[in-house]
Protein backbone atom coordinates (compact mmCIF):
# COMPACT_ATOMS: atom_id res chain seq x y z
CA MET A 1 -65.82 36.92 12.59
CA LYS A 2 -62.37 36.00 14.13
CA ARG A 3 -63.55 37.16 17.39
CA ARG A 4 -66.67 34.75 17.29
CA LYS A 5 -64.49 31.90 16.55
CA PHE A 6 -62.17 32.77 19.33
CA LEU A 7 -64.94 32.99 21.79
CA GLY A 8 -66.52 29.87 20.53
CA VAL A 9 -63.14 28.02 21.21
CA LEU A 10 -63.07 29.45 24.80
CA GLY A 11 -66.59 28.16 25.32
CA ILE A 12 -65.63 24.73 24.37
CA LEU A 13 -62.03 24.55 25.73
CA PRO A 14 -62.97 24.47 29.61
CA PRO A 15 -65.32 21.39 29.19
CA ILE A 16 -62.73 19.62 27.22
CA LEU A 17 -59.99 20.45 29.78
CA PHE A 18 -62.14 19.25 32.64
CA SER A 19 -63.09 15.93 30.80
CA CYS A 20 -59.58 15.08 29.84
CA GLY A 21 -58.13 12.50 32.25
CA LYS A 22 -60.78 12.70 35.03
CA ASP A 23 -60.30 9.18 35.83
CA GLU A 24 -56.53 9.88 36.57
CA PHE A 25 -57.13 11.99 39.69
CA PRO A 26 -57.07 9.92 42.86
CA ASP A 27 -60.13 9.47 45.02
CA ARG A 28 -58.10 8.55 48.09
CA PRO A 29 -54.61 9.09 49.35
CA THR A 30 -51.56 6.93 48.96
CA ILE A 31 -50.43 5.83 52.46
CA ILE A 32 -47.20 4.40 53.57
CA THR A 33 -46.68 3.16 56.92
CA GLY A 34 -44.71 0.64 58.87
CA LYS A 35 -42.38 0.16 61.92
CA VAL A 36 -38.69 0.28 62.29
CA ILE A 37 -36.87 -1.62 64.81
CA ASP A 38 -33.04 -2.02 65.58
CA GLU A 39 -31.07 -5.34 65.70
CA ASN A 40 -32.33 -5.86 69.11
CA ASN A 41 -36.07 -5.46 68.23
CA MET A 42 -36.28 -2.12 70.00
CA PRO A 43 -38.08 0.74 68.19
CA VAL A 44 -35.99 3.35 66.20
CA VAL A 45 -36.88 6.91 66.92
CA GLY A 46 -36.34 9.66 64.36
CA LEU A 47 -35.56 7.86 61.12
CA LYS A 48 -36.80 9.74 58.15
CA PHE A 49 -38.34 8.65 54.99
CA GLN A 50 -38.91 10.49 51.76
CA PHE A 51 -42.00 9.89 49.55
CA GLY A 52 -41.99 11.80 46.29
CA ALA A 53 -42.37 12.08 42.63
CA ASP A 54 -40.56 14.21 39.94
CA TYR A 55 -40.98 14.68 36.30
CA ALA A 56 -38.08 14.39 33.85
CA LYS A 57 -38.32 17.57 31.67
CA SER A 58 -35.02 16.45 29.87
CA LEU A 59 -32.23 14.14 30.53
CA PHE A 60 -30.57 16.53 32.92
CA TYR A 61 -33.40 18.46 34.34
CA ARG A 62 -36.17 17.21 36.63
CA ILE A 63 -39.09 18.97 38.14
CA SER A 64 -40.17 18.06 41.59
CA ILE A 65 -43.97 17.29 41.71
CA PHE A 66 -44.15 16.50 45.47
CA ASN A 67 -41.80 15.72 48.30
CA VAL A 68 -43.27 14.40 51.61
CA ILE A 69 -41.11 13.64 54.69
CA GLY A 70 -42.20 11.12 57.33
CA GLU A 71 -40.41 10.32 60.64
CA THR A 72 -40.49 7.34 63.09
CA ASN A 73 -42.20 8.10 66.31
CA LYS A 74 -41.30 6.92 69.94
CA ASP A 75 -42.74 3.45 68.90
CA GLY A 76 -40.66 3.26 65.83
CA VAL A 77 -43.81 3.89 63.60
CA TYR A 78 -44.14 6.15 60.76
CA THR A 79 -47.08 7.16 58.36
CA ILE A 80 -46.82 9.21 55.23
CA SER A 81 -50.03 10.29 53.29
CA HIS A 82 -50.43 12.06 50.21
CA MET A 83 -52.77 12.49 47.19
CA VAL A 84 -50.75 11.18 44.43
CA ASP A 85 -52.12 11.79 40.86
CA TYR A 86 -48.57 10.75 39.31
CA GLY A 87 -47.75 7.23 38.34
CA GLN A 88 -44.05 6.91 39.25
CA THR A 89 -43.29 7.65 42.92
CA THR A 90 -40.32 6.98 45.14
CA PHE A 91 -40.09 5.84 48.79
CA LEU A 92 -36.68 5.66 50.64
CA PRO A 93 -35.08 6.00 54.05
CA PHE A 94 -32.43 8.76 53.92
CA SER A 95 -29.50 9.76 56.05
CA ASP A 96 -29.81 12.70 58.36
CA THR A 97 -27.87 13.67 61.52
CA ASN A 98 -29.49 10.97 63.66
CA TYR A 99 -28.70 7.99 61.38
CA ASP A 100 -25.89 7.72 58.70
CA LEU A 101 -27.32 4.98 56.41
CA ASN A 102 -24.17 5.13 54.21
CA SER A 103 -21.34 4.55 56.62
CA GLN A 104 -22.98 3.57 60.14
CA TYR A 105 -26.08 1.77 59.34
CA ASN A 106 -27.56 -0.88 57.02
CA ILE A 107 -31.33 -1.08 56.56
CA TYR A 108 -33.40 -4.02 56.02
CA VAL A 109 -37.11 -4.47 54.82
CA TRP A 110 -39.35 -7.27 55.89
CA LYS A 111 -39.84 -9.46 52.85
CA ASN A 112 -40.67 -13.04 52.21
CA ASN A 113 -40.75 -13.61 55.95
CA LYS A 114 -37.51 -12.37 56.56
CA TYR A 115 -35.21 -9.09 56.75
CA GLU A 116 -33.60 -8.36 53.24
CA GLN A 117 -31.26 -5.57 52.71
CA VAL A 118 -33.01 -2.61 51.28
CA GLY A 119 -32.35 -1.09 47.84
CA ASN A 120 -33.41 2.50 47.06
CA PRO A 121 -36.10 3.14 46.21
CA VAL A 122 -38.33 0.98 48.13
CA GLY A 123 -41.29 -0.40 46.45
CA PRO A 124 -43.36 -0.84 44.66
CA ILE A 125 -45.88 1.60 45.83
CA ILE A 126 -49.41 1.11 44.93
CA ASN A 127 -50.99 4.64 44.62
CA GLY A 128 -54.41 5.08 46.34
CA GLU A 129 -53.77 2.11 48.65
CA THR A 130 -52.12 1.54 52.07
CA ASN A 131 -48.70 0.24 51.53
CA THR A 132 -46.82 -1.17 54.52
CA PHE A 133 -43.20 -1.53 54.86
CA ASN A 134 -41.37 -2.72 58.15
CA PHE A 135 -37.56 -2.26 58.48
CA GLN A 136 -34.74 -3.25 60.71
CA LEU A 137 -31.76 -1.08 61.17
CA ARG A 138 -28.49 -2.59 62.01
CA LYS A 139 -25.07 -1.20 62.86
CA ILE A 140 -22.37 -1.88 60.24
């Protein structure tokens, strides 16, 4: 009798799992794109961006769900694309060996018809859509 109940639960469980939250899965990728220029309107090559999401398991413990790195090309253009099925994502420029965003450069985002100093993370990001962020890098 117990075996029949167990097998019955196994037969019902997979359809339930597959039907739960099926509308939450994306049907197209989230794309983040844009161009980065310097204070002289020249393209910035090699500036890196991070697009990702994590899950807070507790106050002090987070699990990375995905982490994608993008980099500007010779024209200062970058594109990052990822299938996002998680609501809270972050997108931000980060310091590396080419550009120290903490002590050598400030980064500005094009907003309201002017460049405004960026806060981290940049956003909001609309999942499943193309999000465009154009930046300007200025020496401090």
